[in-house]
Amino acid sequence: MSEEKKINNSKQTTDNSNKVKPGIYKHYKDKKYKVLFIAEDSETQEEMVVYQAMYGEGKIWVRPKRIFLEEVEIDGKKVPRFKFESPEENDWQNKYLRALADYQNLLKRTAQEKVEFVKYANEDLILSIIPVYDNLKMSLAHTDETVEKNGWLEGIKHVIRQFKDVLASMGVEEIKTIGEKFDHNTMEAIEGKGDKVVKELRPGYKLNGKVIVAAKVVVK
């Protein structure tokens, strides 16, 4: 081997032996520590190892790198003061990125929850209005020719139209039933057997796509 190669190999060995990489280290007394990074003493420019205990409250320590890397004698045998075990899986960058992702997901969930709250905040109020609306519509179904000539009937029809417009503005839509295929998600079959709706006994309603009142129907 040439003299130049010998020098290069010697230098590489020295450089590798002086390296302290972030990760998990085991102290010769069996406790584990996590090397965070290498710092430099502002007065002496000596390299310092900053590491954290992986037990108790996770106290952070600082030790000169030369001492961190030195060997100690145990039962007549030299062993490393700190032995490298594994890379740190959750390094600071990964922790930051994961924390950032968690924060962004939290913002998305919070925004979605706000949207859901706004969409369904009036559900209780709507459920209290719907029976009145239904009763008004049912009253029209029992009118005869005599009543048709009375002026107050137009007033009731106007009120019903107002109810319908207000409910629609709040995101309420009536479930289509008669002539439709029976849908157990939106309807409740009170009479009959089959999959076609032939009669509506009670209207059903959705609030922004969510069923709040199932339609009661007769199927055939």
N, C-alpha and C. Protein backbone atom coordinates (compact mmCIF):
# COMPACT_ATOMS: atom_id res chain seq x y z
N MET A 1 0.85 -1.20 0.00
CA MET A 1 0.00 0.00 0.00
C MET A 1 0.89 1.25 0.00
N SER A 2 0.57 2.22 -0.84
CA SER A 2 1.38 3.42 -0.93
C SER A 2 1.25 4.24 0.34
N GLU A 3 2.21 5.11 0.55
CA GLU A 3 2.21 5.97 1.74
C GLU A 3 1.01 6.88 1.74
N GLU A 4 0.62 7.38 0.51
CA GLU A 4 -0.52 8.30 0.40
C GLU A 4 -1.80 7.62 0.81
N LYS A 5 -2.00 6.33 0.37
CA LYS A 5 -3.20 5.58 0.73
C LYS A 5 -3.25 5.33 2.23
N LYS A 6 -2.09 5.02 2.82
CA LYS A 6 -2.03 4.78 4.26
C LYS A 6 -2.49 6.00 5.02
N ILE A 7 -2.04 7.18 4.56
CA ILE A 7 -2.40 8.44 5.23
C ILE A 7 -3.89 8.67 5.11
N ASN A 8 -4.44 8.45 3.89
CA ASN A 8 -5.87 8.66 3.65
C ASN A 8 -6.72 7.72 4.49
N ASN A 9 -6.32 6.44 4.57
CA ASN A 9 -7.07 5.47 5.37
C ASN A 9 -7.02 5.81 6.84
N SER A 10 -5.85 6.25 7.29
CA SER A 10 -5.69 6.64 8.69
C SER A 10 -6.58 7.82 9.02
N LYS A 11 -6.64 8.79 8.08
CA LYS A 11 -7.46 9.99 8.29
C LYS A 11 -8.94 9.64 8.32
N GLN A 12 -9.37 8.69 7.41
CA GLN A 12 -10.77 8.29 7.35
C GLN A 12 -11.18 7.60 8.64
N THR A 13 -10.32 6.73 9.16
CA THR A 13 -10.60 6.02 10.42
C THR A 13 -10.76 7.01 11.55
N THR A 14 -9.87 8.00 11.60
CA THR A 14 -9.92 9.02 12.65
C THR A 14 -11.21 9.82 12.57
N ASP A 15 -11.60 10.20 11.30
CA ASP A 15 -12.81 10.99 11.11
C ASP A 15 -14.04 10.22 11.55
N ASN A 16 -14.11 8.92 11.18
CA ASN A 16 -15.26 8.10 11.55
C ASN A 16 -15.34 7.91 13.05
N SER A 17 -14.17 7.76 13.70
CA SER A 17 -14.16 7.53 15.15
C SER A 17 -14.57 8.77 15.91
N ASN A 18 -14.50 9.93 15.25
CA ASN A 18 -14.85 11.18 15.94
C ASN A 18 -16.28 11.62 15.64
N LYS A 19 -17.00 10.81 14.89
CA LYS A 19 -18.34 11.20 14.51
C LYS A 19 -19.35 10.81 15.58
N VAL A 20 -20.26 11.72 15.84
CA VAL A 20 -21.40 11.44 16.72
C VAL A 20 -22.64 11.82 15.94
N LYS A 21 -23.40 10.84 15.53
CA LYS A 21 -24.60 11.11 14.74
C LYS A 21 -25.84 11.05 15.62
N PRO A 22 -26.83 11.84 15.28
CA PRO A 22 -28.09 11.81 16.05
C PRO A 22 -28.67 10.41 16.08
N GLY A 23 -29.20 10.02 17.20
CA GLY A 23 -29.80 8.70 17.33
C GLY A 23 -29.86 8.27 18.79
N ILE A 24 -30.10 6.99 18.99
CA ILE A 24 -30.23 6.44 20.32
C ILE A 24 -28.90 5.80 20.73
N TYR A 25 -28.43 6.16 21.92
CA TYR A 25 -27.19 5.61 22.45
C TYR A 25 -27.45 4.96 23.80
N LYS A 26 -26.69 3.90 24.08
CA LYS A 26 -26.81 3.23 25.37
C LYS A 26 -25.57 3.51 26.20
N HIS A 27 -25.78 4.06 27.38
CA HIS A 27 -24.69 4.35 28.30
C HIS A 27 -24.17 3.04 28.88
N TYR A 28 -22.91 3.02 29.25
CA TYR A 28 -22.34 1.77 29.76
C TYR A 28 -23.03 1.31 31.05
N LYS A 29 -23.80 2.22 31.68
CA LYS A 29 -24.57 1.82 32.86
C LYS A 29 -26.00 1.41 32.50
N ASP A 30 -26.22 1.18 31.19
CA ASP A 30 -27.46 0.61 30.64
C ASP A 30 -28.59 1.60 30.39
N LYS A 31 -28.48 2.84 30.80
CA LYS A 31 -29.56 3.80 30.52
C LYS A 31 -29.41 4.34 29.10
N LYS A 32 -30.54 4.67 28.49
CA LYS A 32 -30.52 5.13 27.11
C LYS A 32 -30.69 6.64 27.00
N TYR A 33 -30.03 7.18 25.97
CA TYR A 33 -30.07 8.61 25.73
C TYR A 33 -30.26 8.86 24.22
N LYS A 34 -30.80 10.02 23.92
CA LYS A 34 -31.02 10.40 22.53
C LYS A 34 -30.16 11.62 22.21
N VAL A 35 -29.22 11.43 21.28
CA VAL A 35 -28.37 12.55 20.85
C VAL A 35 -29.19 13.47 19.96
N LEU A 36 -29.26 14.73 20.34
CA LEU A 36 -30.06 15.69 19.59
C LEU A 36 -29.25 16.39 18.51
N PHE A 37 -28.08 16.93 18.91
CA PHE A 37 -27.23 17.60 17.93
C PHE A 37 -25.87 17.90 18.55
N ILE A 38 -24.95 18.38 17.71
CA ILE A 38 -23.62 18.76 18.17
C ILE A 38 -23.57 20.29 18.25
N ALA A 39 -23.08 20.80 19.38
CA ALA A 39 -22.94 22.24 19.57
C ALA A 39 -21.46 22.58 19.73
N GLU A 40 -21.17 23.88 19.84
CA GLU A 40 -19.78 24.32 19.99
C GLU A 40 -19.69 25.32 21.12
N ASP A 41 -18.74 25.09 22.01
CA ASP A 41 -18.54 25.99 23.13
C ASP A 41 -18.09 27.36 22.60
N SER A 42 -18.78 28.43 23.00
CA SER A 42 -18.48 29.76 22.47
C SER A 42 -17.13 30.29 22.94
N GLU A 43 -16.63 29.75 24.05
CA GLU A 43 -15.35 30.25 24.57
C GLU A 43 -14.17 29.44 24.03
N THR A 44 -14.32 28.10 24.04
CA THR A 44 -13.18 27.24 23.67
C THR A 44 -13.31 26.65 22.27
N GLN A 45 -14.49 26.79 21.64
CA GLN A 45 -14.78 26.20 20.34
C GLN A 45 -14.74 24.66 20.37
N GLU A 46 -14.77 24.12 21.58
CA GLU A 46 -14.78 22.66 21.70
C GLU A 46 -16.17 22.14 21.34
N GLU A 47 -16.19 21.02 20.60
CA GLU A 47 -17.47 20.43 20.21
C GLU A 47 -18.12 19.74 21.41
N MET A 48 -19.42 19.99 21.55
CA MET A 48 -20.18 19.45 22.66
C MET A 48 -21.35 18.61 22.12
N VAL A 49 -21.64 17.53 22.80
CA VAL A 49 -22.78 16.68 22.43
C VAL A 49 -23.96 17.05 23.33
N VAL A 50 -25.07 17.37 22.68
CA VAL A 50 -26.30 17.68 23.42
C VAL A 50 -27.22 16.46 23.30
N TYR A 51 -27.56 15.88 24.43
CA TYR A 51 -28.35 14.65 24.40
C TYR A 51 -29.40 14.65 25.52
N GLN A 52 -30.42 13.84 25.34
CA GLN A 52 -31.57 13.83 26.25
C GLN A 52 -31.79 12.44 26.81
N ALA A 53 -32.07 12.38 28.10
CA ALA A 53 -32.35 11.10 28.76
C ALA A 53 -33.69 10.55 28.27
N MET A 54 -33.72 9.26 28.01
CA MET A 54 -34.96 8.62 27.57
C MET A 54 -35.65 7.93 28.75
N TYR A 55 -35.55 8.55 29.89
CA TYR A 55 -36.21 8.04 31.10
C TYR A 55 -36.54 9.23 31.99
N GLY A 56 -37.35 9.01 32.97
CA GLY A 56 -37.73 10.11 33.88
C GLY A 56 -38.40 11.25 33.13
N GLU A 57 -37.95 12.46 33.42
CA GLU A 57 -38.53 13.65 32.79
C GLU A 57 -37.81 14.05 31.51
N GLY A 58 -36.89 13.20 31.06
CA GLY A 58 -36.18 13.49 29.81
C GLY A 58 -35.24 14.66 29.92
N LYS A 59 -34.44 14.68 30.98
CA LYS A 59 -33.50 15.78 31.21
C LYS A 59 -32.49 15.87 30.08
N ILE A 60 -32.13 17.10 29.69
CA ILE A 60 -31.17 17.32 28.61
C ILE A 60 -29.78 17.60 29.20
N TRP A 61 -28.77 16.93 28.62
CA TRP A 61 -27.41 17.04 29.11
C TRP A 61 -26.49 17.56 28.00
N VAL A 62 -25.33 18.09 28.43
CA VAL A 62 -24.29 18.54 27.50
C VAL A 62 -22.96 17.98 27.99
N ARG A 63 -22.21 17.36 27.06
CA ARG A 63 -20.93 16.75 27.42
C ARG A 63 -19.94 16.96 26.27
N PRO A 64 -18.67 17.26 26.56
CA PRO A 64 -17.68 17.40 25.49
C PRO A 64 -17.66 16.14 24.64
N LYS A 65 -17.55 16.33 23.33
CA LYS A 65 -17.60 15.18 22.42
C LYS A 65 -16.46 14.20 22.70
N ARG A 66 -15.30 14.71 23.04
CA ARG A 66 -14.16 13.83 23.29
C ARG A 66 -14.43 12.90 24.48
N ILE A 67 -15.18 13.40 25.47
CA ILE A 67 -15.51 12.56 26.63
C ILE A 67 -16.66 11.62 26.28
N PHE A 68 -17.60 12.12 25.47
CA PHE A 68 -18.74 11.30 25.05
C PHE A 68 -18.25 10.06 24.29
N LEU A 69 -17.17 10.25 23.48
CA LEU A 69 -16.67 9.17 22.64
C LEU A 69 -15.63 8.28 23.32
N GLU A 70 -15.14 8.67 24.47
CA GLU A 70 -14.06 7.89 25.08
C GLU A 70 -14.56 6.57 25.64
N GLU A 71 -13.62 5.70 25.91
CA GLU A 71 -13.95 4.40 26.46
C GLU A 71 -13.69 4.38 27.96
N VAL A 72 -14.43 3.51 28.64
CA VAL A 72 -14.23 3.33 30.09
C VAL A 72 -13.91 1.86 30.33
N GLU A 73 -13.26 1.60 31.44
CA GLU A 73 -12.87 0.22 31.75
C GLU A 73 -13.84 -0.40 32.73
N ILE A 74 -14.44 -1.52 32.31
CA ILE A 74 -15.39 -2.25 33.15
C ILE A 74 -14.92 -3.70 33.27
N ASP A 75 -14.62 -4.10 34.51
CA ASP A 75 -14.14 -5.47 34.76
C ASP A 75 -12.94 -5.81 33.89
N GLY A 76 -12.05 -4.85 33.77
CA GLY A 76 -10.83 -5.07 33.02
C GLY A 76 -10.99 -5.00 31.51
N LYS A 77 -12.18 -4.63 31.06
CA LYS A 77 -12.42 -4.57 29.61
C LYS A 77 -12.87 -3.17 29.24
N LYS A 78 -12.31 -2.65 28.16
CA LYS A 78 -12.69 -1.32 27.71
C LYS A 78 -13.95 -1.37 26.85
N VAL A 79 -14.89 -0.51 27.20
CA VAL A 79 -16.15 -0.43 26.45
C VAL A 79 -16.46 1.05 26.19
N PRO A 80 -17.24 1.35 25.15
CA PRO A 80 -17.60 2.75 24.88
C PRO A 80 -18.43 3.32 26.02
N ARG A 81 -18.17 4.59 26.33
CA ARG A 81 -19.00 5.25 27.34
C ARG A 81 -20.45 5.30 26.84
N PHE A 82 -20.62 5.64 25.55
CA PHE A 82 -21.94 5.64 24.91
C PHE A 82 -21.84 4.81 23.64
N LYS A 83 -22.70 3.80 23.52
CA LYS A 83 -22.70 2.94 22.35
C LYS A 83 -23.91 3.25 21.47
N PHE A 84 -23.64 3.52 20.21
CA PHE A 84 -24.72 3.82 19.27
C PHE A 84 -25.58 2.57 19.06
N GLU A 85 -26.93 2.76 19.14
CA GLU A 85 -27.85 1.64 18.97
C GLU A 85 -28.68 1.73 17.70
N SER A 86 -29.27 2.89 17.48
CA SER A 86 -30.14 3.02 16.30
C SER A 86 -30.36 4.49 15.97
N PRO A 87 -30.69 4.77 14.71
CA PRO A 87 -31.02 6.17 14.33
C PRO A 87 -32.28 6.61 15.06
N GLU A 88 -32.40 7.87 15.28
CA GLU A 88 -33.61 8.42 15.89
C GLU A 88 -34.71 8.45 14.85
N GLU A 89 -35.75 7.65 15.04
CA GLU A 89 -36.83 7.58 14.06
C GLU A 89 -37.63 8.87 14.01
N ASN A 90 -37.81 9.47 15.15
CA ASN A 90 -38.61 10.69 15.22
C ASN A 90 -37.70 11.90 15.43
N ASP A 91 -36.91 12.24 14.41
CA ASP A 91 -36.02 13.38 14.55
C ASP A 91 -36.83 14.66 14.56
N TRP A 92 -36.13 15.76 14.81
CA TRP A 92 -36.82 17.05 14.99
C TRP A 92 -37.56 17.48 13.74
N GLN A 93 -36.99 17.20 12.56
CA GLN A 93 -37.67 17.59 11.33
C GLN A 93 -38.95 16.80 11.14
N ASN A 94 -38.86 15.49 11.38
CA ASN A 94 -40.06 14.66 11.25
C ASN A 94 -41.12 15.06 12.26
N LYS A 95 -40.67 15.38 13.47
CA LYS A 95 -41.63 15.81 14.50
C LYS A 95 -42.32 17.10 14.07
N TYR A 96 -41.52 18.01 13.50
CA TYR A 96 -42.09 19.28 13.06
C TYR A 96 -43.11 19.06 11.94
N LEU A 97 -42.72 18.23 10.95
CA LEU A 97 -43.62 17.97 9.83
C LEU A 97 -44.89 17.26 10.29
N ARG A 98 -44.75 16.32 11.21
CA ARG A 98 -45.92 15.61 11.70
C ARG A 98 -46.81 16.55 12.51
N ALA A 99 -46.19 17.38 13.34
CA ALA A 99 -46.96 18.34 14.13
C ALA A 99 -47.69 19.32 13.23
N LEU A 100 -47.00 19.75 12.15
CA LEU A 100 -47.61 20.67 11.20
C LEU A 100 -48.80 20.00 10.50
N ALA A 101 -48.60 18.74 10.11
CA ALA A 101 -49.69 18.00 9.45
C ALA A 101 -50.87 17.82 10.39
N ASP A 102 -50.57 17.51 11.66
CA ASP A 102 -51.65 17.35 12.66
C ASP A 102 -52.40 18.67 12.84
N TYR A 103 -51.65 19.77 12.85
CA TYR A 103 -52.28 21.08 13.04
C TYR A 103 -53.18 21.41 11.84
N GLN A 104 -52.68 21.12 10.63
CA GLN A 104 -53.47 21.39 9.43
C GLN A 104 -54.73 20.52 9.40
N ASN A 105 -54.59 19.26 9.82
CA ASN A 105 -55.77 18.38 9.88
C ASN A 105 -56.76 18.88 10.91
N LEU A 106 -56.24 19.41 12.02
CA LEU A 106 -57.12 19.96 13.06
C LEU A 106 -57.90 21.15 12.52
N LEU A 107 -57.21 22.02 11.76
CA LEU A 107 -57.88 23.17 11.16
C LEU A 107 -58.98 22.72 10.19
N LYS A 108 -58.67 21.68 9.39
CA LYS A 108 -59.66 21.17 8.44
C LYS A 108 -60.86 20.60 9.17
N ARG A 109 -60.59 19.82 10.24
CA ARG A 109 -61.70 19.22 11.00
C ARG A 109 -62.54 20.30 11.66
N THR A 110 -61.86 21.32 12.21
CA THR A 110 -62.59 22.40 12.87
C THR A 110 -63.45 23.16 11.86
N ALA A 111 -62.89 23.42 10.68
CA ALA A 111 -63.65 24.12 9.65
C ALA A 111 -64.85 23.29 9.21
N GLN A 112 -64.63 21.97 9.05
CA GLN A 112 -65.72 21.09 8.64
C GLN A 112 -66.81 21.03 9.71
N GLU A 113 -66.37 20.99 10.97
CA GLU A 113 -67.34 20.95 12.08
C GLU A 113 -68.17 22.22 12.11
N LYS A 114 -67.52 23.34 11.81
CA LYS A 114 -68.25 24.62 11.78
C LYS A 114 -69.29 24.61 10.66
N VAL A 115 -68.87 24.07 9.49
CA VAL A 115 -69.80 23.99 8.36
C VAL A 115 -70.98 23.10 8.72
N GLU A 116 -70.69 21.95 9.34
CA GLU A 116 -71.76 21.03 9.73
C GLU A 116 -72.68 21.67 10.75
N PHE A 117 -72.09 22.41 11.68
CA PHE A 117 -72.90 23.06 12.72
C PHE A 117 -73.85 24.07 12.10
N VAL A 118 -73.31 24.88 11.17
CA VAL A 118 -74.14 25.90 10.52
C VAL A 118 -75.26 25.24 9.71
N LYS A 119 -74.92 24.13 9.01
CA LYS A 119 -75.89 23.47 8.15
C LYS A 119 -77.07 22.91 8.95
N TYR A 120 -76.80 22.44 10.17
CA TYR A 120 -77.85 21.76 10.92
C TYR A 120 -78.22 22.46 12.23
N ALA A 121 -77.76 23.70 12.40
CA ALA A 121 -78.03 24.43 13.64
C ALA A 121 -79.52 24.68 13.84
N ASN A 122 -80.27 24.81 12.74
CA ASN A 122 -81.70 25.12 12.84
C ASN A 122 -82.59 23.89 12.82
N GLU A 123 -82.00 22.71 12.96
CA GLU A 123 -82.78 21.47 12.83
C GLU A 123 -83.94 21.41 13.83
N ASP A 124 -83.69 21.74 15.07
CA ASP A 124 -84.75 21.68 16.09
C ASP A 124 -85.88 22.65 15.76
N LEU A 125 -85.51 23.84 15.32
CA LEU A 125 -86.52 24.84 14.97
C LEU A 125 -87.35 24.34 13.78
N ILE A 126 -86.68 23.78 12.79
CA ILE A 126 -87.36 23.29 11.60
C ILE A 126 -88.32 22.16 11.95
N LEU A 127 -87.86 21.26 12.82
CA LEU A 127 -88.72 20.14 13.23
C LEU A 127 -89.97 20.60 13.96
N SER A 128 -89.88 21.76 14.59
CA SER A 128 -91.07 22.30 15.27
C SER A 128 -92.01 23.01 14.30
N ILE A 129 -91.46 23.45 13.17
CA ILE A 129 -92.27 24.16 12.17
C ILE A 129 -92.99 23.19 11.23
N ILE A 130 -92.32 22.10 10.88
CA ILE A 130 -92.84 21.17 9.89
C ILE A 130 -94.26 20.66 10.20
N PRO A 131 -94.58 20.28 11.44
CA PRO A 131 -95.95 19.81 11.72
C PRO A 131 -97.01 20.86 11.38
N VAL A 132 -96.71 22.14 11.65
CA VAL A 132 -97.65 23.21 11.33
C VAL A 132 -97.81 23.30 9.82
N TYR A 133 -96.71 23.22 9.11
CA TYR A 133 -96.72 23.26 7.65
C TYR A 133 -97.53 22.09 7.08
N ASP A 134 -97.31 20.90 7.63
CA ASP A 134 -98.04 19.72 7.17
C ASP A 134 -99.54 19.84 7.43
N ASN A 135 -99.90 20.36 8.60
CA ASN A 135 -101.32 20.50 8.94
C ASN A 135 -102.02 21.50 8.01
N LEU A 136 -101.33 22.55 7.65
CA LEU A 136 -101.90 23.52 6.72
C LEU A 136 -102.14 22.87 5.35
N LYS A 137 -101.17 22.08 4.90
CA LYS A 137 -101.33 21.41 3.61
C LYS A 137 -102.47 20.39 3.66
N MET A 138 -102.59 19.69 4.78
CA MET A 138 -103.65 18.70 4.92
C MET A 138 -105.04 19.36 4.95
N SER A 139 -105.10 20.58 5.49
CA SER A 139 -106.39 21.27 5.55
C SER A 139 -106.92 21.58 4.15
N LEU A 140 -106.01 21.79 3.20
CA LEU A 140 -106.43 22.06 1.83
C LEU A 140 -106.98 20.81 1.14
N ALA A 141 -106.50 19.65 1.60
CA ALA A 141 -106.93 18.41 0.97
C ALA A 141 -108.38 18.08 1.28
N HIS A 142 -108.97 18.74 2.28
CA HIS A 142 -110.34 18.45 2.68
C HIS A 142 -111.30 19.60 2.37
N THR A 143 -110.94 20.42 1.43
CA THR A 143 -111.83 21.52 1.06
C THR A 143 -112.83 21.06 0.01
N ASP A 144 -114.02 21.66 -0.01
CA ASP A 144 -115.02 21.34 -1.03
C ASP A 144 -115.27 22.57 -1.90
N GLU A 145 -116.21 22.46 -2.80
CA GLU A 145 -116.47 23.55 -3.73
C GLU A 145 -116.91 24.82 -3.02
N THR A 146 -117.65 24.67 -1.92
CA THR A 146 -118.12 25.83 -1.17
C THR A 146 -116.95 26.61 -0.61
N VAL A 147 -116.03 25.86 -0.04
CA VAL A 147 -114.85 26.51 0.56
C VAL A 147 -113.98 27.15 -0.50
N GLU A 148 -113.94 26.51 -1.68
CA GLU A 148 -113.10 27.03 -2.77
C GLU A 148 -113.48 28.46 -3.13
N LYS A 149 -114.77 28.79 -2.90
CA LYS A 149 -115.25 30.12 -3.26
C LYS A 149 -114.93 31.17 -2.19
N ASN A 150 -114.49 30.71 -1.03
CA ASN A 150 -114.20 31.64 0.06
C ASN A 150 -112.81 32.28 -0.12
N GLY A 151 -112.75 33.54 0.21
CA GLY A 151 -111.50 34.28 0.03
C GLY A 151 -110.40 33.85 0.98
N TRP A 152 -110.78 33.35 2.17
CA TRP A 152 -109.74 33.00 3.15
C TRP A 152 -108.88 31.82 2.69
N LEU A 153 -109.39 31.01 1.75
CA LEU A 153 -108.62 29.87 1.26
C LEU A 153 -107.36 30.34 0.54
N GLU A 154 -107.50 31.44 -0.20
CA GLU A 154 -106.33 31.99 -0.88
C GLU A 154 -105.29 32.46 0.12
N GLY A 155 -105.79 32.95 1.26
CA GLY A 155 -104.86 33.38 2.31
C GLY A 155 -104.06 32.20 2.85
N ILE A 156 -104.72 31.05 3.05
CA ILE A 156 -104.03 29.85 3.55
C ILE A 156 -102.99 29.38 2.53
N LYS A 157 -103.39 29.39 1.24
CA LYS A 157 -102.46 28.98 0.19
C LYS A 157 -101.23 29.89 0.17
N HIS A 158 -101.45 31.16 0.40
CA HIS A 158 -100.33 32.12 0.43
C HIS A 158 -99.40 31.82 1.60
N VAL A 159 -99.99 31.52 2.75
CA VAL A 159 -99.19 31.18 3.94
C VAL A 159 -98.37 29.92 3.68
N ILE A 160 -99.00 28.93 3.05
CA ILE A 160 -98.29 27.67 2.74
C ILE A 160 -97.10 27.94 1.81
N ARG A 161 -97.32 28.80 0.81
CA ARG A 161 -96.23 29.14 -0.10
C ARG A 161 -95.09 29.83 0.65
N GLN A 162 -95.46 30.69 1.60
CA GLN A 162 -94.43 31.36 2.41
C GLN A 162 -93.64 30.35 3.24
N PHE A 163 -94.37 29.41 3.86
CA PHE A 163 -93.71 28.35 4.63
C PHE A 163 -92.71 27.60 3.75
N LYS A 164 -93.16 27.22 2.55
CA LYS A 164 -92.32 26.45 1.64
C LYS A 164 -91.06 27.23 1.26
N ASP A 165 -91.22 28.53 0.97
CA ASP A 165 -90.07 29.35 0.59
C ASP A 165 -89.08 29.50 1.74
N VAL A 166 -89.62 29.70 2.95
CA VAL A 166 -88.74 29.86 4.11
C VAL A 166 -87.98 28.57 4.39
N LEU A 167 -88.66 27.44 4.35
CA LEU A 167 -88.01 26.15 4.58
C LEU A 167 -86.94 25.88 3.52
N ALA A 168 -87.27 26.21 2.27
CA ALA A 168 -86.30 26.01 1.19
C ALA A 168 -85.06 26.87 1.40
N SER A 169 -85.25 28.08 1.88
CA SER A 169 -84.11 28.97 2.12
C SER A 169 -83.22 28.46 3.25
N MET A 170 -83.79 27.61 4.10
CA MET A 170 -83.02 27.02 5.21
C MET A 170 -82.43 25.67 4.84
N GLY A 171 -82.58 25.27 3.58
CA GLY A 171 -81.99 24.02 3.12
C GLY A 171 -82.90 22.82 3.24
N VAL A 172 -84.22 23.06 3.43
CA VAL A 172 -85.17 21.95 3.59
C VAL A 172 -85.79 21.60 2.24
N GLU A 173 -85.83 20.33 1.93
CA GLU A 173 -86.51 19.86 0.72
C GLU A 173 -87.41 18.68 1.08
N GLU A 174 -88.54 18.60 0.39
CA GLU A 174 -89.49 17.52 0.65
C GLU A 174 -89.07 16.29 -0.15
N ILE A 175 -89.19 15.13 0.48
CA ILE A 175 -88.80 13.88 -0.16
C ILE A 175 -89.89 13.45 -1.15
N LYS A 176 -89.47 13.15 -2.38
CA LYS A 176 -90.42 12.69 -3.39
C LYS A 176 -90.82 11.25 -3.10
N THR A 177 -92.12 10.97 -3.18
CA THR A 177 -92.60 9.64 -2.80
C THR A 177 -93.47 8.98 -3.86
N ILE A 178 -94.65 9.52 -4.12
CA ILE A 178 -95.63 8.86 -4.99
C ILE A 178 -95.05 8.61 -6.38
N GLY A 179 -95.13 7.33 -6.79
CA GLY A 179 -94.61 6.93 -8.09
C GLY A 179 -93.13 6.58 -8.06
N GLU A 180 -92.46 6.86 -6.93
CA GLU A 180 -91.03 6.58 -6.81
C GLU A 180 -90.81 5.17 -6.28
N LYS A 181 -89.61 4.66 -6.49
CA LYS A 181 -89.22 3.38 -5.93
C LYS A 181 -88.99 3.54 -4.43
N PHE A 182 -89.48 2.57 -3.65
CA PHE A 182 -89.34 2.67 -2.20
C PHE A 182 -87.87 2.70 -1.80
N ASP A 183 -87.53 3.66 -0.94
CA ASP A 183 -86.16 3.83 -0.45
C ASP A 183 -86.19 3.79 1.07
N HIS A 184 -85.63 2.74 1.64
CA HIS A 184 -85.68 2.60 3.11
C HIS A 184 -84.85 3.66 3.82
N ASN A 185 -84.00 4.35 3.08
CA ASN A 185 -83.18 5.41 3.69
C ASN A 185 -83.98 6.69 3.93
N THR A 186 -85.04 6.88 3.15
CA THR A 186 -85.80 8.12 3.24
C THR A 186 -87.28 7.90 3.55
N MET A 187 -87.72 6.62 3.49
CA MET A 187 -89.14 6.34 3.66
C MET A 187 -89.39 5.24 4.69
N GLU A 188 -90.62 5.24 5.18
CA GLU A 188 -91.07 4.19 6.10
C GLU A 188 -92.39 3.63 5.56
N ALA A 189 -92.37 2.35 5.21
CA ALA A 189 -93.56 1.71 4.65
C ALA A 189 -94.54 1.35 5.77
N ILE A 190 -95.71 1.95 5.75
CA ILE A 190 -96.72 1.69 6.78
C ILE A 190 -97.67 0.57 6.34
N GLU A 191 -97.94 0.52 5.04
CA GLU A 191 -98.84 -0.51 4.50
C GLU A 191 -98.30 -1.04 3.18
N GLY A 192 -98.74 -2.28 2.85
CA GLY A 192 -98.45 -2.85 1.55
C GLY A 192 -97.13 -3.57 1.47
N LYS A 193 -96.98 -4.28 0.34
CA LYS A 193 -95.75 -4.99 0.04
C LYS A 193 -95.35 -4.67 -1.39
N GLY A 194 -94.12 -4.45 -1.61
CA GLY A 194 -93.64 -4.10 -2.94
C GLY A 194 -92.57 -3.03 -2.85
N ASP A 195 -92.17 -2.52 -4.02
CA ASP A 195 -91.10 -1.52 -4.03
C ASP A 195 -91.50 -0.21 -4.70
N LYS A 196 -92.82 -0.05 -4.95
CA LYS A 196 -93.28 1.19 -5.56
C LYS A 196 -94.24 1.92 -4.62
N VAL A 197 -94.01 3.22 -4.46
CA VAL A 197 -94.86 4.02 -3.57
C VAL A 197 -96.13 4.43 -4.31
N VAL A 198 -97.29 4.08 -3.72
CA VAL A 198 -98.56 4.41 -4.36
C VAL A 198 -99.32 5.49 -3.59
N LYS A 199 -98.94 5.71 -2.34
CA LYS A 199 -99.64 6.72 -1.55
C LYS A 199 -98.72 7.27 -0.47
N GLU A 200 -98.86 8.54 -0.19
CA GLU A 200 -98.08 9.19 0.88
C GLU A 200 -99.00 9.49 2.05
N LEU A 201 -98.66 8.96 3.21
CA LEU A 201 -99.46 9.20 4.41
C LEU A 201 -98.95 10.41 5.19
N ARG A 202 -97.65 10.62 5.12
CA ARG A 202 -97.04 11.76 5.82
C ARG A 202 -95.79 12.18 5.06
N PRO A 203 -95.64 13.45 4.74
CA PRO A 203 -94.45 13.89 3.99
C PRO A 203 -93.15 13.67 4.77
N GLY A 204 -92.09 13.50 4.02
CA GLY A 204 -90.76 13.40 4.62
C GLY A 204 -89.90 14.57 4.17
N TYR A 205 -88.86 14.87 4.96
CA TYR A 205 -88.04 16.06 4.67
C TYR A 205 -86.55 15.77 4.87
N LYS A 206 -85.75 16.50 4.07
CA LYS A 206 -84.30 16.48 4.21
C LYS A 206 -83.83 17.89 4.55
N LEU A 207 -82.80 17.95 5.34
CA LEU A 207 -82.16 19.22 5.66
C LEU A 207 -80.74 19.17 5.14
N ASN A 208 -80.47 19.92 4.07
CA ASN A 208 -79.14 19.92 3.44
C ASN A 208 -78.68 18.49 3.13
N GLY A 209 -79.60 17.68 2.62
CA GLY A 209 -79.27 16.32 2.22
C GLY A 209 -79.43 15.28 3.31
N LYS A 210 -79.62 15.71 4.54
CA LYS A 210 -79.76 14.78 5.67
C LYS A 210 -81.24 14.57 5.97
N VAL A 211 -81.67 13.32 6.07
CA VAL A 211 -83.08 13.02 6.36
C VAL A 211 -83.37 13.38 7.82
N ILE A 212 -84.33 14.29 8.01
CA ILE A 212 -84.71 14.65 9.37
C ILE A 212 -86.09 14.14 9.71
N VAL A 213 -86.89 13.87 8.68
CA VAL A 213 -88.20 13.26 8.87
C VAL A 213 -88.41 12.25 7.74
N ALA A 214 -88.57 10.97 8.07
CA ALA A 214 -88.79 9.95 7.05
C ALA A 214 -90.25 10.03 6.57
N ALA A 215 -90.44 9.87 5.28
CA ALA A 215 -91.80 9.89 4.72
C ALA A 215 -92.51 8.59 5.05
N LYS A 216 -93.77 8.68 5.45
CA LYS A 216 -94.58 7.49 5.72
C LYS A 216 -95.42 7.23 4.48
N VAL A 217 -95.28 6.01 3.94
CA VAL A 217 -95.91 5.72 2.65
C VAL A 217 -96.59 4.35 2.62
N VAL A 218 -97.38 4.17 1.56
CA VAL A 218 -98.00 2.88 1.25
C VAL A 218 -97.34 2.40 -0.04
N VAL A 219 -96.93 1.13 -0.04
CA VAL A 219 -96.25 0.58 -1.21
C VAL A 219 -97.07 -0.53 -1.83
N LYS A 220 -96.71 -0.84 -3.08
CA LYS A 220 -97.43 -1.88 -3.78
C LYS A 220 -96.47 -2.62 -4.70
